[in-house]
């Protein structure tokens, strides 16, 4: 199950401080990410804009944790989205 997590003031730094390797990405308005899953748990923070994961809206600043193996899909909001994420 996807869980919401608090977004720190500097998400990339918080991920690095946790020993993880953050990567940033962005997507344009209404970009669609087809259903998929990952072999490792992912932490993701929305830095700007909005995105829906499995229909649940996340608006910056927001964070989620997606456990390994959990299927999910996503759709960027009207203004697109910028995120930073890392695998545990």
PDB file of N, CA and C in Angstrom:
ATOM      1  N   UNK A   1       0.832  -1.175   0.000  1.00  0.00           N
ATOM      2  CA  UNK A   1       0.000   0.000   0.000  1.00  0.00           C
ATOM      3  C   UNK A   1       0.886   1.251   0.000  1.00  0.00           C
ATOM      4  N   UNK A   2       0.543   2.198  -0.837  1.00  0.00           N
ATOM      5  CA  UNK A   2       1.267   3.465  -0.889  1.00  0.00           C
ATOM      6  C   UNK A   2       0.913   4.275   0.346  1.00  0.00           C
ATOM      7  N   UNK A   3       1.936   4.850   0.989  1.00  0.00           N
ATOM      8  CA  UNK A   3       1.683   5.663   2.181  1.00  0.00           C
ATOM      9  C   UNK A   3       2.235   7.064   1.994  1.00  0.00           C
ATOM     10  N   UNK A   4       1.512   8.039   2.524  1.00  0.00           N
ATOM     11  CA  UNK A   4       1.995   9.418   2.511  1.00  0.00           C
ATOM     12  C   UNK A   4       3.060   9.571   3.585  1.00  0.00           C
ATOM     13  N   UNK A   5       4.074  10.374   3.267  1.00  0.00           N
ATOM     14  CA  UNK A   5       5.115  10.697   4.240  1.00  0.00           C
ATOM     15  C   UNK A   5       5.322  12.205   4.225  1.00  0.00           C
ATOM     16  N   UNK A   6       5.796  12.736   5.334  1.00  0.00           N
ATOM     17  CA  UNK A   6       6.042  14.171   5.423  1.00  0.00           C
ATOM     18  C   UNK A   6       7.159  14.573   4.472  1.00  0.00           C
ATOM     19  N   UNK A   7       6.975  15.729   3.847  1.00  0.00           N
ATOM     20  CA  UNK A   7       8.002  16.260   2.955  1.00  0.00           C
ATOM     21  C   UNK A   7       8.930  17.170   3.751  1.00  0.00           C
ATOM     22  N   UNK A   8      10.212  16.837   3.819  1.00  0.00           N
ATOM     23  CA  UNK A   8      11.160  17.698   4.530  1.00  0.00           C
ATOM     24  C   UNK A   8      11.402  18.991   3.747  1.00  0.00           C
ATOM     25  N   UNK A   9      12.019  19.965   4.391  1.00  0.00           N
ATOM     26  CA  UNK A   9      12.304  21.246   3.737  1.00  0.00           C
ATOM     27  C   UNK A   9      13.192  21.063   2.510  1.00  0.00           C
ATOM     28  N   UNK A  10      14.147  20.145   2.579  1.00  0.00           N
ATOM     29  CA  UNK A  10      15.053  19.859   1.466  1.00  0.00           C
ATOM     30  C   UNK A  10      15.037  18.345   1.220  1.00  0.00           C
ATOM     31  N   UNK A  11      14.085  17.879   0.409  1.00  0.00           N
ATOM     32  CA  UNK A  11      13.944  16.431   0.214  1.00  0.00           C
ATOM     33  C   UNK A  11      15.193  15.733  -0.317  1.00  0.00           C
ATOM     34  N   UNK A  12      15.891  16.333  -1.264  1.00  0.00           N
ATOM     35  CA  UNK A  12      17.086  15.681  -1.816  1.00  0.00           C
ATOM     36  C   UNK A  12      18.138  15.487  -0.729  1.00  0.00           C
ATOM     37  N   UNK A  13      18.313  16.489   0.089  1.00  0.00           N
ATOM     38  CA  UNK A  13      19.294  16.376   1.176  1.00  0.00           C
ATOM     39  C   UNK A  13      18.866  15.309   2.180  1.00  0.00           C
ATOM     40  N   UNK A  14      17.579  15.282   2.514  1.00  0.00           N
ATOM     41  CA  UNK A  14      17.074  14.284   3.461  1.00  0.00           C
ATOM     42  C   UNK A  14      17.299  12.872   2.926  1.00  0.00           C
ATOM     43  N   UNK A  15      17.108  12.678   1.630  1.00  0.00           N
ATOM     44  CA  UNK A  15      17.350  11.361   1.033  1.00  0.00           C
ATOM     45  C   UNK A  15      18.830  10.997   1.113  1.00  0.00           C
ATOM     46  N   UNK A  16      19.692  11.955   0.791  1.00  0.00           N
ATOM     47  CA  UNK A  16      21.139  11.700   0.893  1.00  0.00           C
ATOM     48  C   UNK A  16      21.542  11.402   2.334  1.00  0.00           C
ATOM     49  N   UNK A  17      20.987  12.175   3.280  1.00  0.00           N
ATOM     50  CA  UNK A  17      21.298  11.962   4.696  1.00  0.00           C
ATOM     51  C   UNK A  17      20.860  10.574   5.166  1.00  0.00           C
ATOM     52  N   UNK A  18      19.852  10.003   4.488  1.00  0.00           N
ATOM     53  CA  UNK A  18      19.373   8.657   4.813  1.00  0.00           C
ATOM     54  C   UNK A  18      20.205   7.582   4.114  1.00  0.00           C
ATOM     55  N   UNK A  19      21.247   8.009   3.396  1.00  0.00           N
ATOM     56  CA  UNK A  19      22.112   7.059   2.709  1.00  0.00           C
ATOM     57  C   UNK A  19      21.593   6.625   1.353  1.00  0.00           C
ATOM     58  N   UNK A  20      20.622   7.361   0.806  1.00  0.00           N
ATOM     59  CA  UNK A  20      20.027   7.019  -0.484  1.00  0.00           C
ATOM     60  C   UNK A  20      20.584   7.929  -1.574  1.00  0.00           C
ATOM     61  N   UNK A  21      20.352   7.553  -2.829  1.00  0.00           N
ATOM     62  CA  UNK A  21      20.835   8.322  -3.971  1.00  0.00           C
ATOM     63  C   UNK A  21      19.656   8.957  -4.700  1.00  0.00           C
ATOM     64  N   UNK A  22      19.373  10.237  -4.416  1.00  0.00           N
ATOM     65  CA  UNK A  22      18.220  10.883  -5.041  1.00  0.00           C
ATOM     66  C   UNK A  22      18.434  11.174  -6.525  1.00  0.00           C
ATOM     67  N   UNK A  23      17.343  11.130  -7.259  1.00  0.00           N
ATOM     68  CA  UNK A  23      17.351  11.578  -8.650  1.00  0.00           C
ATOM     69  C   UNK A  23      16.105  12.427  -8.866  1.00  0.00           C
ATOM     70  N   UNK A  24      16.268  13.471  -9.663  1.00  0.00           N
ATOM     71  CA  UNK A  24      15.172  14.401  -9.939  1.00  0.00           C
ATOM     72  C   UNK A  24      14.612  14.141 -11.325  1.00  0.00           C
ATOM     73  N   UNK A  25      13.334  14.428 -11.497  1.00  0.00           N
ATOM     74  CA  UNK A  25      12.705  14.308 -12.803  1.00  0.00           C
ATOM     75  C   UNK A  25      11.506  15.243 -12.874  1.00  0.00           C
ATOM     76  N   UNK A  26      11.064  15.491 -14.072  1.00  0.00           N
ATOM     77  CA  UNK A  26       9.874  16.314 -14.272  1.00  0.00           C
ATOM     78  C   UNK A  26       9.058  15.732 -15.417  1.00  0.00           C
ATOM     79  N   UNK A  27       7.797  16.105 -15.447  1.00  0.00           N
ATOM     80  CA  UNK A  27       6.897  15.657 -16.503  1.00  0.00           C
ATOM     81  C   UNK A  27       5.941  16.794 -16.828  1.00  0.00           C
ATOM     82  N   UNK A  28       5.569  16.882 -18.078  1.00  0.00           N
ATOM     83  CA  UNK A  28       4.662  17.928 -18.528  1.00  0.00           C
ATOM     84  C   UNK A  28       3.225  17.672 -18.107  1.00  0.00           C
ATOM     85  N   UNK A  29       2.367  18.640 -18.409  1.00  0.00           N
ATOM     86  CA  UNK A  29       0.957  18.519 -18.051  1.00  0.00           C
ATOM     87  C   UNK A  29       0.343  17.218 -18.567  1.00  0.00           C
ATOM     88  N   UNK A  30      -0.365  16.546 -17.694  1.00  0.00           N
ATOM     89  CA  UNK A  30      -1.142  15.340 -18.010  1.00  0.00           C
ATOM     90  C   UNK A  30      -0.306  14.151 -18.476  1.00  0.00           C
ATOM     91  N   UNK A  31       1.003  14.182 -18.228  1.00  0.00           N
ATOM     92  CA  UNK A  31       1.835  13.018 -18.575  1.00  0.00           C
ATOM     93  C   UNK A  31       1.303  11.797 -17.831  1.00  0.00           C
ATOM     94  N   UNK A  32       1.272  10.659 -18.522  1.00  0.00           N
ATOM     95  CA  UNK A  32       0.730   9.427 -17.938  1.00  0.00           C
ATOM     96  C   UNK A  32       1.849   8.401 -17.777  1.00  0.00           C
ATOM     97  N   UNK A  33       1.880   7.771 -16.623  1.00  0.00           N
ATOM     98  CA  UNK A  33       2.826   6.698 -16.341  1.00  0.00           C
ATOM     99  C   UNK A  33       2.006   5.428 -16.145  1.00  0.00           C
ATOM    100  N   UNK A  34       2.130   4.503 -17.077  1.00  0.00           N
ATOM    101  CA  UNK A  34       1.328   3.276 -17.079  1.00  0.00           C
ATOM    102  C   UNK A  34       1.586   2.446 -15.819  1.00  0.00           C
ATOM    103  N   UNK A  35       0.643   1.568 -15.471  1.00  0.00           N
ATOM    104  CA  UNK A  35       0.820   0.727 -14.286  1.00  0.00           C
ATOM    105  C   UNK A  35       2.131  -0.063 -14.340  1.00  0.00           C
ATOM    106  N   UNK A  36       2.825  -0.067 -13.210  1.00  0.00           N
ATOM    107  CA  UNK A  36       4.095  -0.780 -13.093  1.00  0.00           C
ATOM    108  C   UNK A  36       4.409  -0.969 -11.616  1.00  0.00           C
ATOM    109  N   UNK A  37       5.487  -1.668 -11.324  1.00  0.00           N
ATOM    110  CA  UNK A  37       5.965  -1.797  -9.946  1.00  0.00           C
ATOM    111  C   UNK A  37       7.488  -1.812  -9.975  1.00  0.00           C
ATOM    112  N   UNK A  38       8.071  -1.765  -8.792  1.00  0.00           N
ATOM    113  CA  UNK A  38       9.527  -1.737  -8.673  1.00  0.00           C
ATOM    114  C   UNK A  38       9.987  -2.846  -7.737  1.00  0.00           C
ATOM    115  N   UNK A  39      11.199  -3.316  -7.944  1.00  0.00           N
ATOM    116  CA  UNK A  39      11.767  -4.366  -7.095  1.00  0.00           C
ATOM    117  C   UNK A  39      12.186  -3.826  -5.730  1.00  0.00           C
ATOM    118  N   UNK A  40      12.351  -2.506  -5.642  1.00  0.00           N
ATOM    119  CA  UNK A  40      12.772  -1.881  -4.380  1.00  0.00           C
ATOM    120  C   UNK A  40      11.761  -0.812  -3.971  1.00  0.00           C
ATOM    121  N   UNK A  41      11.705  -0.543  -2.683  1.00  0.00           N
ATOM    122  CA  UNK A  41      10.823   0.497  -2.161  1.00  0.00           C
ATOM    123  C   UNK A  41      11.318   1.862  -2.625  1.00  0.00           C
ATOM    124  N   UNK A  42      10.369   2.726  -3.008  1.00  0.00           N
ATOM    125  CA  UNK A  42      10.701   4.060  -3.498  1.00  0.00           C
ATOM    126  C   UNK A  42      10.132   5.120  -2.567  1.00  0.00           C
ATOM    127  N   UNK A  43      10.946   6.141  -2.285  1.00  0.00           N
ATOM    128  CA  UNK A  43      10.461   7.359  -1.631  1.00  0.00           C
ATOM    129  C   UNK A  43      10.434   8.448  -2.697  1.00  0.00           C
ATOM    130  N   UNK A  44       9.334   9.176  -2.777  1.00  0.00           N
ATOM    131  CA  UNK A  44       9.174  10.214  -3.786  1.00  0.00           C
ATOM    132  C   UNK A  44       8.607  11.460  -3.138  1.00  0.00           C
ATOM    133  N   UNK A  45       9.165  12.618  -3.520  1.00  0.00           N
ATOM    134  CA  UNK A  45       8.680  13.903  -3.022  1.00  0.00           C
ATOM    135  C   UNK A  45       8.325  14.796  -4.201  1.00  0.00           C
ATOM    136  N   UNK A  46       7.162  15.416  -4.133  1.00  0.00           N
ATOM    137  CA  UNK A  46       6.714  16.370  -5.144  1.00  0.00           C
ATOM    138  C   UNK A  46       7.267  17.736  -4.762  1.00  0.00           C
ATOM    139  N   UNK A  47       8.094  18.302  -5.637  1.00  0.00           N
ATOM    140  CA  UNK A  47       8.726  19.593  -5.382  1.00  0.00           C
ATOM    141  C   UNK A  47       7.916  20.757  -5.937  1.00  0.00           C
ATOM    142  N   UNK A  48       7.267  20.537  -7.078  1.00  0.00           N
ATOM    143  CA  UNK A  48       6.459  21.556  -7.726  1.00  0.00           C
ATOM    144  C   UNK A  48       5.345  20.879  -8.497  1.00  0.00           C
ATOM    145  N   UNK A  49       4.187  21.509  -8.520  1.00  0.00           N
ATOM    146  CA  UNK A  49       3.067  20.990  -9.283  1.00  0.00           C
ATOM    147  C   UNK A  49       2.310  19.909  -8.532  1.00  0.00           C
ATOM    148  N   UNK A  50       1.714  19.012  -9.306  1.00  0.00           N
ATOM    149  CA  UNK A  50       0.869  17.975  -8.714  1.00  0.00           C
ATOM    150  C   UNK A  50       0.902  16.719  -9.575  1.00  0.00           C
ATOM    151  N   UNK A  51       0.595  15.592  -8.926  1.00  0.00           N
ATOM    152  CA  UNK A  51       0.543  14.303  -9.611  1.00  0.00           C
ATOM    153  C   UNK A  51      -0.406  13.397  -8.837  1.00  0.00           C
ATOM    154  N   UNK A  52      -1.118  12.556  -9.556  1.00  0.00           N
ATOM    155  CA  UNK A  52      -1.987  11.561  -8.923  1.00  0.00           C
ATOM    156  C   UNK A  52      -1.318  10.200  -9.025  1.00  0.00           C
ATOM    157  N   UNK A  53      -1.202   9.519  -7.885  1.00  0.00           N
ATOM    158  CA  UNK A  53      -0.736   8.137  -7.846  1.00  0.00           C
ATOM    159  C   UNK A  53      -1.928   7.271  -7.490  1.00  0.00           C
ATOM    160  N   UNK A  54      -2.278   6.345  -8.386  1.00  0.00           N
ATOM    161  CA  UNK A  54      -3.445   5.481  -8.181  1.00  0.00           C
ATOM    162  C   UNK A  54      -4.675   6.304  -7.820  1.00  0.00           C
ATOM    163  N   UNK A  55      -4.793   7.484  -8.440  1.00  0.00           N
ATOM    164  CA  UNK A  55      -5.957   8.339  -8.248  1.00  0.00           C
ATOM    165  C   UNK A  55      -5.886   9.279  -7.067  1.00  0.00           C
ATOM    166  N   UNK A  56      -4.849   9.171  -6.232  1.00  0.00           N
ATOM    167  CA  UNK A  56      -4.717  10.031  -5.056  1.00  0.00           C
ATOM    168  C   UNK A  56      -3.824  11.221  -5.390  1.00  0.00           C
ATOM    169  N   UNK A  57      -4.380  12.422  -5.246  1.00  0.00           N
ATOM    170  CA  UNK A  57      -3.676  13.646  -5.619  1.00  0.00           C
ATOM    171  C   UNK A  57      -2.614  14.032  -4.600  1.00  0.00           C
ATOM    172  N   UNK A  58      -1.415  14.311  -5.107  1.00  0.00           N
ATOM    173  CA  UNK A  58      -0.315  14.837  -4.300  1.00  0.00           C
ATOM    174  C   UNK A  58       0.061  16.192  -4.878  1.00  0.00           C
ATOM    175  N   UNK A  59       0.008  17.218  -4.051  1.00  0.00           N
ATOM    176  CA  UNK A  59       0.366  18.571  -4.462  1.00  0.00           C
ATOM    177  C   UNK A  59       1.564  19.018  -3.642  1.00  0.00           C
ATOM    178  N   UNK A  60       2.534  19.646  -4.292  1.00  0.00           N
ATOM    179  CA  UNK A  60       3.758  20.081  -3.604  1.00  0.00           C
ATOM    180  C   UNK A  60       3.434  21.001  -2.435  1.00  0.00           C
ATOM    181  N   UNK A  61       4.152  20.840  -1.326  1.00  0.00           N
ATOM    182  CA  UNK A  61       5.123  19.786  -1.025  1.00  0.00           C
ATOM    183  C   UNK A  61       4.418  18.552  -0.469  1.00  0.00           C
ATOM    184  N   UNK A  62       4.764  17.407  -0.966  1.00  0.00           N
ATOM    185  CA  UNK A  62       4.144  16.162  -0.509  1.00  0.00           C
ATOM    186  C   UNK A  62       5.116  15.017  -0.741  1.00  0.00           C
ATOM    187  N   UNK A  63       4.930  13.934  -0.003  1.00  0.00           N
ATOM    188  CA  UNK A  63       5.782  12.773  -0.173  1.00  0.00           C
ATOM    189  C   UNK A  63       5.000  11.483  -0.058  1.00  0.00           C
ATOM    190  N   UNK A  64       5.524  10.442  -0.714  1.00  0.00           N
ATOM    191  CA  UNK A  64       4.936   9.109  -0.608  1.00  0.00           C
ATOM    192  C   UNK A  64       6.056   8.079  -0.529  1.00  0.00           C
ATOM    193  N   UNK A  65       5.678   6.922  -0.025  1.00  0.00           N
ATOM    194  CA  UNK A  65       6.564   5.760   0.023  1.00  0.00           C
ATOM    195  C   UNK A  65       5.814   4.629  -0.652  1.00  0.00           C
ATOM    196  N   UNK A  66       6.409   4.077  -1.702  1.00  0.00           N
ATOM    197  CA  UNK A  66       5.786   3.000  -2.467  1.00  0.00           C
ATOM    198  C   UNK A  66       6.579   1.727  -2.198  1.00  0.00           C
ATOM    199  N   UNK A  67       6.009   0.786  -1.448  1.00  0.00           N
ATOM    200  CA  UNK A  67       6.732  -0.446  -1.133  1.00  0.00           C
ATOM    201  C   UNK A  67       7.073  -1.261  -2.390  1.00  0.00           C
ATOM    202  N   UNK A  68       8.138  -2.004  -2.311  1.00  0.00           N
ATOM    203  CA  UNK A  68       8.541  -2.882  -3.406  1.00  0.00           C
ATOM    204  C   UNK A  68       7.382  -3.785  -3.811  1.00  0.00           C
ATOM    205  N   UNK A  69       7.199  -3.940  -5.113  1.00  0.00           N
ATOM    206  CA  UNK A  69       6.192  -4.847  -5.634  1.00  0.00           C
ATOM    207  C   UNK A  69       4.788  -4.294  -5.721  1.00  0.00           C
ATOM    208  N   UNK A  70       4.540  -3.092  -5.207  1.00  0.00           N
ATOM    209  CA  UNK A  70       3.188  -2.522  -5.232  1.00  0.00           C
ATOM    210  C   UNK A  70       2.936  -1.865  -6.593  1.00  0.00           C
ATOM    211  N   UNK A  71       1.913  -2.339  -7.300  1.00  0.00           N
ATOM    212  CA  UNK A  71       1.561  -1.770  -8.598  1.00  0.00           C
ATOM    213  C   UNK A  71       1.008  -0.363  -8.414  1.00  0.00           C
ATOM    214  N   UNK A  72       1.418   0.530  -9.307  1.00  0.00           N
ATOM    215  CA  UNK A  72       0.934   1.903  -9.255  1.00  0.00           C
ATOM    216  C   UNK A  72       1.008   2.523 -10.644  1.00  0.00           C
ATOM    217  N   UNK A  73       0.181   3.546 -10.835  1.00  0.00           N
ATOM    218  CA  UNK A  73       0.215   4.346 -12.055  1.00  0.00           C
ATOM    219  C   UNK A  73       0.117   5.800 -11.625  1.00  0.00           C
ATOM    220  N   UNK A  74       0.448   6.712 -12.527  1.00  0.00           N
ATOM    221  CA  UNK A  74       0.449   8.120 -12.150  1.00  0.00           C
ATOM    222  C   UNK A  74       0.075   8.996 -13.337  1.00  0.00           C
ATOM    223  N   UNK A  75      -0.482  10.165 -13.004  1.00  0.00           N
ATOM    224  CA  UNK A  75      -0.837  11.172 -13.994  1.00  0.00           C
ATOM    225  C   UNK A  75      -0.453  12.540 -13.454  1.00  0.00           C
ATOM    226  N   UNK A  76       0.383  13.266 -14.211  1.00  0.00           N
ATOM    227  CA  UNK A  76       0.782  14.612 -13.809  1.00  0.00           C
ATOM    228  C   UNK A  76      -0.414  15.555 -13.896  1.00  0.00           C
ATOM    229  N   UNK A  77      -0.360  16.605 -13.093  1.00  0.00           N
ATOM    230  CA  UNK A  77      -1.442  17.581 -13.053  1.00  0.00           C
ATOM    231  C   UNK A  77      -1.416  18.549 -14.232  1.00  0.00           C
ATOM    232  N   UNK A  78      -2.310  19.527 -14.179  1.00  0.00           N
ATOM    233  CA  UNK A  78      -2.467  20.503 -15.258  1.00  0.00           C
ATOM    234  C   UNK A  78      -1.189  21.286 -15.551  1.00  0.00           C
ATOM    235  N   UNK A  79      -0.394  21.567 -14.535  1.00  0.00           N
ATOM    236  CA  UNK A  79       0.830  22.342 -14.713  1.00  0.00           C
ATOM    237  C   UNK A  79       2.082  21.496 -14.740  1.00  0.00           C
ATOM    238  N   UNK A  80       1.939  20.191 -14.868  1.00  0.00           N
ATOM    239  CA  UNK A  80       3.084  19.295 -14.823  1.00  0.00           C
ATOM    240  C   UNK A  80       3.547  19.062 -13.395  1.00  0.00           C
ATOM    241  N   UNK A  81       4.714  18.431 -13.245  1.00  0.00           N
ATOM    242  CA  UNK A  81       5.205  18.072 -11.917  1.00  0.00           C
ATOM    243  C   UNK A  81       6.730  17.972 -11.933  1.00  0.00           C
ATOM    244  N   UNK A  82       7.341  18.318 -10.812  1.00  0.00           N
ATOM    245  CA  UNK A  82       8.770  18.091 -10.589  1.00  0.00           C
ATOM    246  C   UNK A  82       8.900  17.290  -9.305  1.00  0.00           C
ATOM    247  N   UNK A  83       9.715  16.241  -9.352  1.00  0.00           N
ATOM    248  CA  UNK A  83       9.863  15.346  -8.206  1.00  0.00           C
ATOM    249  C   UNK A  83      11.325  14.995  -7.971  1.00  0.00           C
ATOM    250  N   UNK A  84      11.588  14.525  -6.773  1.00  0.00           N
ATOM    251  CA  UNK A  84      12.867  13.899  -6.454  1.00  0.00           C
ATOM    252  C   UNK A  84      12.522  12.578  -5.781  1.00  0.00           C
ATOM    253  N   UNK A  85      13.281  11.529  -6.095  1.00  0.00           N
ATOM    254  CA  UNK A  85      12.976  10.206  -5.569  1.00  0.00           C
ATOM    255  C   UNK A  85      14.256   9.433  -5.328  1.00  0.00           C
ATOM    256  N   UNK A  86      14.112   8.367  -4.570  1.00  0.00           N
ATOM    257  CA  UNK A  86      15.233   7.458  -4.336  1.00  0.00           C
ATOM    258  C   UNK A  86      14.688   6.094  -3.956  1.00  0.00           C
ATOM    259  N   UNK A  87      15.442   5.066  -4.308  1.00  0.00           N
ATOM    260  CA  UNK A  87      15.092   3.705  -3.915  1.00  0.00           C
ATOM    261  C   UNK A  87      15.820   3.353  -2.631  1.00  0.00           C
ATOM    262  N   UNK A  88      15.107   2.663  -1.751  1.00  0.00           N
ATOM    263  CA  UNK A  88      15.694   2.231  -0.477  1.00  0.00           C
ATOM    264  C   UNK A  88      16.496   0.962  -0.689  1.00  0.00           C
TER     265      UNK A  88
END
